[in-house]
Amino acid sequence: MGHIKAENLTLGYSRKRVIQGIDLSIKKGEFLSIIGPSGVGKSTFLMGLNATTSIIDGRLRVLGKNLETIKHHDLKALRAKIGVIFQGFNLVGRLSVFDNIASGMLHRKPLVSALFRHYSGDQYAEIYEYMQVVGIEQEALSRCDRLSGGQKQRVAIARAIAQKPEIILADEPISSLDPVSARNVMETLKNANEKYGITVVSNLHQLDYAREFCSRVIGLNGGRIVYDGPPDGLCAATVAQIYHKNDSLLPAGDCFCVPYTRLPLQAMAAAHP
């Protein structure tokens, strides 16, 4: 059974159908990217995995739980196993990097120690490990409202890791970042995926990062899956189908890989000082 399994799934809001009749299975440890034009249901599907959008039809199972019939207590326990990373970071600006990351483990701390931000020696070591994983340990005592966008997103990733989740949902985690910070964030997500075996499902608009960092890509359009496969299958004709682009240079049925050259980090840093 997949870590996440959708069968003829339709998601939406009230009577509006956004995701329409999709079938999908995601295995444990995959790093999956969802791509497609704006407004086609990428965020709706992502948040559906956390049971924050309504199931109109079909079935959706996440970590063995049927989200259509799940009870409140079980849903709370399920959400504790799912870390969510938002485009807007959702950090407490006046708190330090350390305390923001530590907030990810609140669900597994006694109430009193959580209220007074008291941590054991093992918990201090654990939080420091997460800071090292995302490369933010030098800013441990800095207030989060004094960090750059890329640094804030790395703190948000570390906070999600501190939950000890089985799944991380990343909703356009690099859309507001410059290219250097975006690459750092994607490398951080990949590191978390590989080091802890966390399944990562991310919405992306940047095809080059989807190709480079993800093990699988889902292309959405019109609320339906139009591509499901490896990143190297994102040839020009496939991308045109996902984004509904008409290119007269592409004969029907013809497909060739879009040229992609990774820009060295030093070059990007020079281009975006």
Protein backbone atom coordinates (compact mmCIF):
# COMPACT_ATOMS: atom_id res chain seq x y z
CA MET A 1 0.00 0.00 0.00
CA GLY A 2 1.24 3.52 -0.80
CA HIS A 3 2.13 6.04 1.87
CA ILE A 4 -0.54 8.19 0.20
CA LYS A 5 -3.25 6.70 -2.03
CA ALA A 6 -5.99 8.52 -3.93
CA GLU A 7 -8.72 6.67 -5.84
CA ASN A 8 -11.05 8.57 -8.18
CA LEU A 9 -10.51 11.51 -5.81
CA THR A 10 -12.43 14.75 -6.20
CA LEU A 11 -11.58 17.65 -3.87
CA GLY A 12 -13.06 21.11 -3.61
CA TYR A 13 -14.79 23.80 -1.62
CA SER A 14 -18.55 23.62 -1.04
CA ARG A 15 -19.89 22.55 -4.46
CA LYS A 16 -16.89 23.73 -6.46
CA ARG A 17 -14.83 20.81 -7.77
CA VAL A 18 -11.13 21.65 -8.04
CA ILE A 19 -9.39 18.25 -8.18
CA GLN A 20 -11.42 15.91 -10.36
CA GLY A 21 -11.30 12.12 -10.27
CA ILE A 22 -7.57 11.51 -9.87
CA ASP A 23 -5.83 8.23 -9.05
CA LEU A 24 -2.43 8.44 -7.40
CA SER A 25 -0.15 6.41 -5.13
CA ILE A 26 2.91 7.89 -3.40
CA LYS A 27 5.47 5.61 -1.78
CA LYS A 28 7.37 6.22 1.43
CA GLY A 29 10.55 8.23 0.91
CA GLU A 30 9.60 9.77 -2.45
CA PHE A 31 10.43 13.41 -3.21
CA LEU A 32 7.51 14.41 -5.41
CA SER A 33 6.84 17.74 -7.09
CA ILE A 34 3.45 18.94 -8.30
CA ILE A 35 3.66 21.38 -11.23
CA GLY A 36 1.16 23.16 -13.42
CA PRO A 37 -0.37 26.57 -14.15
CA SER A 38 -1.72 28.73 -11.35
CA GLY A 39 -5.25 27.90 -10.26
CA VAL A 40 -5.34 24.26 -11.42
CA GLY A 41 -5.58 22.72 -7.93
CA LYS A 42 -1.98 22.18 -6.79
CA SER A 43 -2.49 23.72 -3.35
CA THR A 44 -5.97 22.21 -3.05
CA PHE A 45 -4.52 18.73 -3.56
CA LEU A 46 -1.57 19.37 -1.22
CA MET A 47 -3.80 20.60 1.60
CA GLY A 48 -6.19 17.74 0.93
CA LEU A 49 -3.43 15.42 2.12
CA ASN A 50 -3.68 17.19 5.48
CA ALA A 51 -7.51 16.98 5.46
CA THR A 52 -8.00 20.75 5.17
CA THR A 53 -9.95 20.59 1.89
CA SER A 54 -13.18 18.64 1.45
CA ILE A 55 -13.43 15.23 -0.20
CA ILE A 56 -16.38 15.47 -2.58
CA ASP A 57 -16.01 12.03 -4.11
CA GLY A 58 -13.63 9.07 -4.16
CA ARG A 59 -11.18 7.91 -1.49
CA LEU A 60 -8.01 9.30 0.03
CA ARG A 61 -5.83 7.33 2.43
CA VAL A 62 -2.83 8.92 4.14
CA LEU A 63 -0.57 6.81 6.39
CA GLY A 64 -3.26 4.12 6.39
CA LYS A 65 -6.09 6.46 7.47
CA ASN A 66 -9.21 7.04 5.37
CA LEU A 67 -9.58 10.83 5.41
CA GLU A 68 -13.25 10.68 4.46
CA THR A 69 -14.24 8.87 7.65
CA ILE A 70 -11.40 9.77 10.05
CA LYS A 71 -12.40 10.78 13.59
CA HIS A 72 -11.23 14.04 15.17
CA HIS A 73 -8.83 12.35 17.60
CA ASP A 74 -7.26 10.28 14.84
CA LEU A 75 -7.01 13.31 12.57
CA LYS A 76 -5.11 15.23 15.26
CA ALA A 77 -2.67 12.32 15.63
CA LEU A 78 -2.29 12.08 11.84
CA ARG A 79 -1.51 15.79 11.46
CA ALA A 80 1.23 15.42 14.06
CA LYS A 81 2.93 13.10 11.54
CA ILE A 82 2.66 15.61 8.70
CA GLY A 83 4.90 18.67 8.62
CA VAL A 84 3.68 21.64 6.55
CA ILE A 85 5.93 24.32 5.06
CA PHE A 86 4.26 27.48 3.80
CA GLN A 87 5.35 30.11 1.31
CA GLY A 88 4.92 32.73 4.05
CA PHE A 89 7.10 30.82 6.59
CA ASN A 90 4.58 31.12 9.52
CA LEU A 91 7.30 31.76 12.10
CA VAL A 92 7.03 33.75 15.35
CA GLY A 93 9.21 36.73 14.49
CA ARG A 94 10.04 37.81 18.05
CA LEU A 95 11.24 34.33 19.02
CA SER A 96 14.70 32.97 18.32
CA VAL A 97 15.59 30.46 15.63
CA PHE A 98 16.07 27.88 18.37
CA ASP A 99 12.63 28.43 19.92
CA ASN A 100 10.85 28.43 16.57
CA ILE A 101 12.42 25.09 15.66
CA ALA A 102 11.66 23.70 19.12
CA SER A 103 7.98 24.54 18.64
CA GLY A 104 7.85 21.66 16.20
CA MET A 105 8.16 19.20 19.08
CA LEU A 106 5.42 20.74 21.25
CA HIS A 107 3.02 17.88 20.55
CA ARG A 108 5.42 15.47 22.24
CA LYS A 109 6.35 17.63 25.27
CA PRO A 110 4.54 17.93 28.62
CA LEU A 111 2.39 21.07 28.84
CA VAL A 112 4.36 22.77 31.65
CA SER A 113 7.77 22.34 30.02
CA ALA A 114 6.31 23.52 26.71
CA LEU A 115 4.86 26.67 28.32
CA PHE A 116 8.16 27.56 29.99
CA ARG A 117 10.29 26.47 27.00
CA HIS A 118 12.23 24.00 29.12
CA TYR A 119 14.24 21.41 27.21
CA SER A 120 16.19 18.38 28.31
CA GLY A 121 19.80 17.80 27.29
CA ASP A 122 18.67 15.30 24.67
CA GLN A 123 16.17 17.79 23.27
CA TYR A 124 18.85 20.51 23.03
CA ALA A 125 21.03 18.08 21.10
CA GLU A 126 18.13 17.11 18.86
CA ILE A 127 17.28 20.73 18.01
CA TYR A 128 20.94 21.51 17.31
CA GLU A 129 21.07 18.54 14.93
CA TYR A 130 18.10 19.92 12.99
CA MET A 131 19.77 23.34 12.83
CA GLN A 132 22.87 21.68 11.38
CA VAL A 133 20.81 19.73 8.84
CA VAL A 134 19.37 22.97 7.44
CA GLY A 135 22.57 24.99 7.95
CA ILE A 136 21.16 27.62 10.32
CA GLU A 137 23.04 26.78 13.55
CA GLN A 138 25.05 30.03 13.49
CA GLU A 139 21.79 31.98 13.84
CA ALA A 140 20.46 29.88 16.75
CA LEU A 141 19.86 32.85 19.06
CA SER A 142 18.82 35.37 16.38
CA ARG A 143 15.24 36.63 16.25
CA CYS A 144 13.45 35.23 13.23
CA ASP A 145 12.21 38.65 12.12
CA ARG A 146 15.85 39.60 11.46
CA LEU A 147 16.54 36.75 9.04
CA SER A 148 16.48 36.72 5.25
CA GLY A 149 13.69 34.93 3.40
CA GLY A 150 15.89 31.94 2.62
CA GLN A 151 16.99 31.65 6.24
CA LYS A 152 13.38 31.84 7.45
CA GLN A 153 12.38 29.03 5.11
CA ARG A 154 15.23 26.86 6.39
CA VAL A 155 14.02 27.49 9.95
CA ALA A 156 10.52 26.45 8.84
CA ILE A 157 11.95 23.22 7.39
CA ALA A 158 13.85 22.50 10.61
CA ARG A 159 10.67 23.11 12.61
CA ALA A 160 8.84 20.61 10.40
CA ILE A 161 11.64 18.05 10.87
CA ALA A 162 11.39 18.57 14.64
CA GLN A 163 7.87 17.11 14.48
CA LYS A 164 9.52 13.82 13.43
CA PRO A 165 7.00 13.63 10.59
CA GLU A 166 6.55 10.86 8.08
CA ILE A 167 5.44 13.36 5.42
CA ILE A 168 6.35 16.97 4.68
CA LEU A 169 4.00 19.08 2.54
CA ALA A 170 5.72 22.13 1.04
CA ASP A 171 3.38 24.67 -0.56
CA GLU A 172 5.45 26.72 -3.03
CA PRO A 173 8.39 26.90 -0.60
CA ILE A 174 10.69 28.87 -2.93
CA SER A 175 8.32 31.09 -4.91
CA SER A 176 9.31 34.27 -3.05
CA LEU A 177 13.05 33.56 -2.87
CA ASP A 178 15.98 34.64 -5.02
CA PRO A 179 17.73 31.85 -7.01
CA VAL A 180 20.55 31.32 -4.49
CA SER A 181 18.17 31.07 -1.52
CA ALA A 182 15.79 28.88 -3.55
CA ARG A 183 18.57 26.40 -4.32
CA ASN A 184 19.61 26.33 -0.64
CA VAL A 185 16.02 25.56 0.41
CA MET A 186 15.62 22.78 -2.19
CA GLU A 187 18.94 21.25 -1.12
CA THR A 188 17.74 21.40 2.49
CA LEU A 189 14.48 19.61 1.64
CA LYS A 190 16.41 16.98 -0.31
CA ASN A 191 18.78 16.50 2.63
CA ALA A 192 15.83 15.97 5.00
CA ASN A 193 14.27 13.54 2.54
CA GLU A 194 17.44 11.46 2.27
CA LYS A 195 18.67 11.68 5.88
CA TYR A 196 15.37 10.91 7.63
CA GLY A 197 13.44 9.08 4.89
CA ILE A 198 10.67 11.68 5.01
CA THR A 199 8.23 11.66 2.11
CA VAL A 200 8.22 15.17 0.58
CA VAL A 201 5.37 16.47 -1.59
CA SER A 202 6.00 19.98 -2.89
CA ASN A 203 4.24 22.43 -5.21
CA LEU A 204 6.73 24.12 -7.53
CA HIS A 205 6.59 26.58 -10.40
CA GLN A 206 10.30 26.18 -11.21
CA LEU A 207 10.76 23.30 -13.66
CA ASP A 208 14.56 23.29 -13.37
CA TYR A 209 14.37 22.60 -9.62
CA ALA A 210 11.71 19.92 -10.15
CA ARG A 211 14.04 18.22 -12.63
CA GLU A 212 17.09 18.46 -10.42
CA PHE A 213 15.83 17.65 -6.93
CA CYS A 214 12.69 15.53 -7.24
CA SER A 215 12.42 11.81 -7.88
CA ARG A 216 8.96 12.11 -9.46
CA VAL A 217 6.83 14.85 -11.01
CA ILE A 218 3.05 15.18 -11.22
CA GLY A 219 1.70 17.60 -13.84
CA LEU A 220 -1.77 19.02 -13.13
CA ASN A 221 -4.09 20.90 -15.43
CA GLY A 222 -7.82 21.41 -15.18
CA GLY A 223 -7.84 19.56 -11.87
CA ARG A 224 -6.58 16.37 -13.54
CA ILE A 225 -3.24 14.60 -13.80
CA VAL A 226 -1.76 15.04 -17.26
CA TYR A 227 1.73 13.77 -16.43
CA ASP A 228 3.05 11.35 -13.79
CA GLY A 229 6.62 10.21 -14.19
CA PRO A 230 10.33 10.89 -13.71
CA PRO A 231 11.76 14.40 -14.07
CA ASP A 232 13.70 13.50 -17.20
CA GLY A 233 10.38 12.82 -18.91
CA LEU A 234 9.58 16.55 -18.84
CA CYS A 235 10.30 17.08 -22.53
CA ALA A 236 9.06 20.10 -24.45
CA ALA A 237 5.85 18.45 -25.67
CA THR A 238 5.01 17.22 -22.15
CA VAL A 239 5.59 20.66 -20.64
CA ALA A 240 3.41 22.15 -23.40
CA GLN A 241 0.64 19.69 -22.49
CA ILE A 242 0.88 20.52 -18.77
CA TYR A 243 0.82 24.27 -19.36
CA HIS A 244 -1.42 24.19 -22.47
CA LYS A 245 1.23 25.85 -24.60
CA ASN A 246 0.89 25.60 -28.37
CA ASP A 247 4.26 25.52 -30.08
CA SER A 248 4.24 25.36 -33.86
CA LEU A 249 7.80 24.07 -33.77
CA LEU A 250 6.59 20.82 -32.18
CA PRO A 251 4.92 18.42 -34.63
CA ALA A 252 2.16 16.25 -33.17
CA GLY A 253 3.62 13.31 -31.30
CA ASP A 254 7.13 14.75 -31.35
CA CYS A 255 8.96 15.09 -28.03
CA PHE A 256 12.45 16.05 -27.15
CA CYS A 257 14.05 16.94 -23.86
CA VAL A 258 14.19 20.62 -22.96
CA PRO A 259 17.85 21.60 -22.67
CA TYR A 260 18.74 22.26 -19.04
CA THR A 261 22.08 23.27 -17.66
CA ARG A 262 22.57 23.69 -13.95
CA LEU A 263 23.89 27.16 -13.19
CA PRO A 264 26.74 27.02 -10.66
CA LEU A 265 25.90 28.54 -7.29
CA GLN A 266 28.77 31.01 -7.63
CA ALA A 267 27.37 32.29 -10.91
CA MET A 268 23.90 32.73 -9.43
CA ALA A 269 25.37 34.56 -6.45
CA ALA A 270 27.14 36.94 -8.82
CA ALA A 271 23.96 37.52 -10.78
CA HIS A 272 21.91 38.14 -7.62
CA PRO A 273 24.19 39.90 -5.08
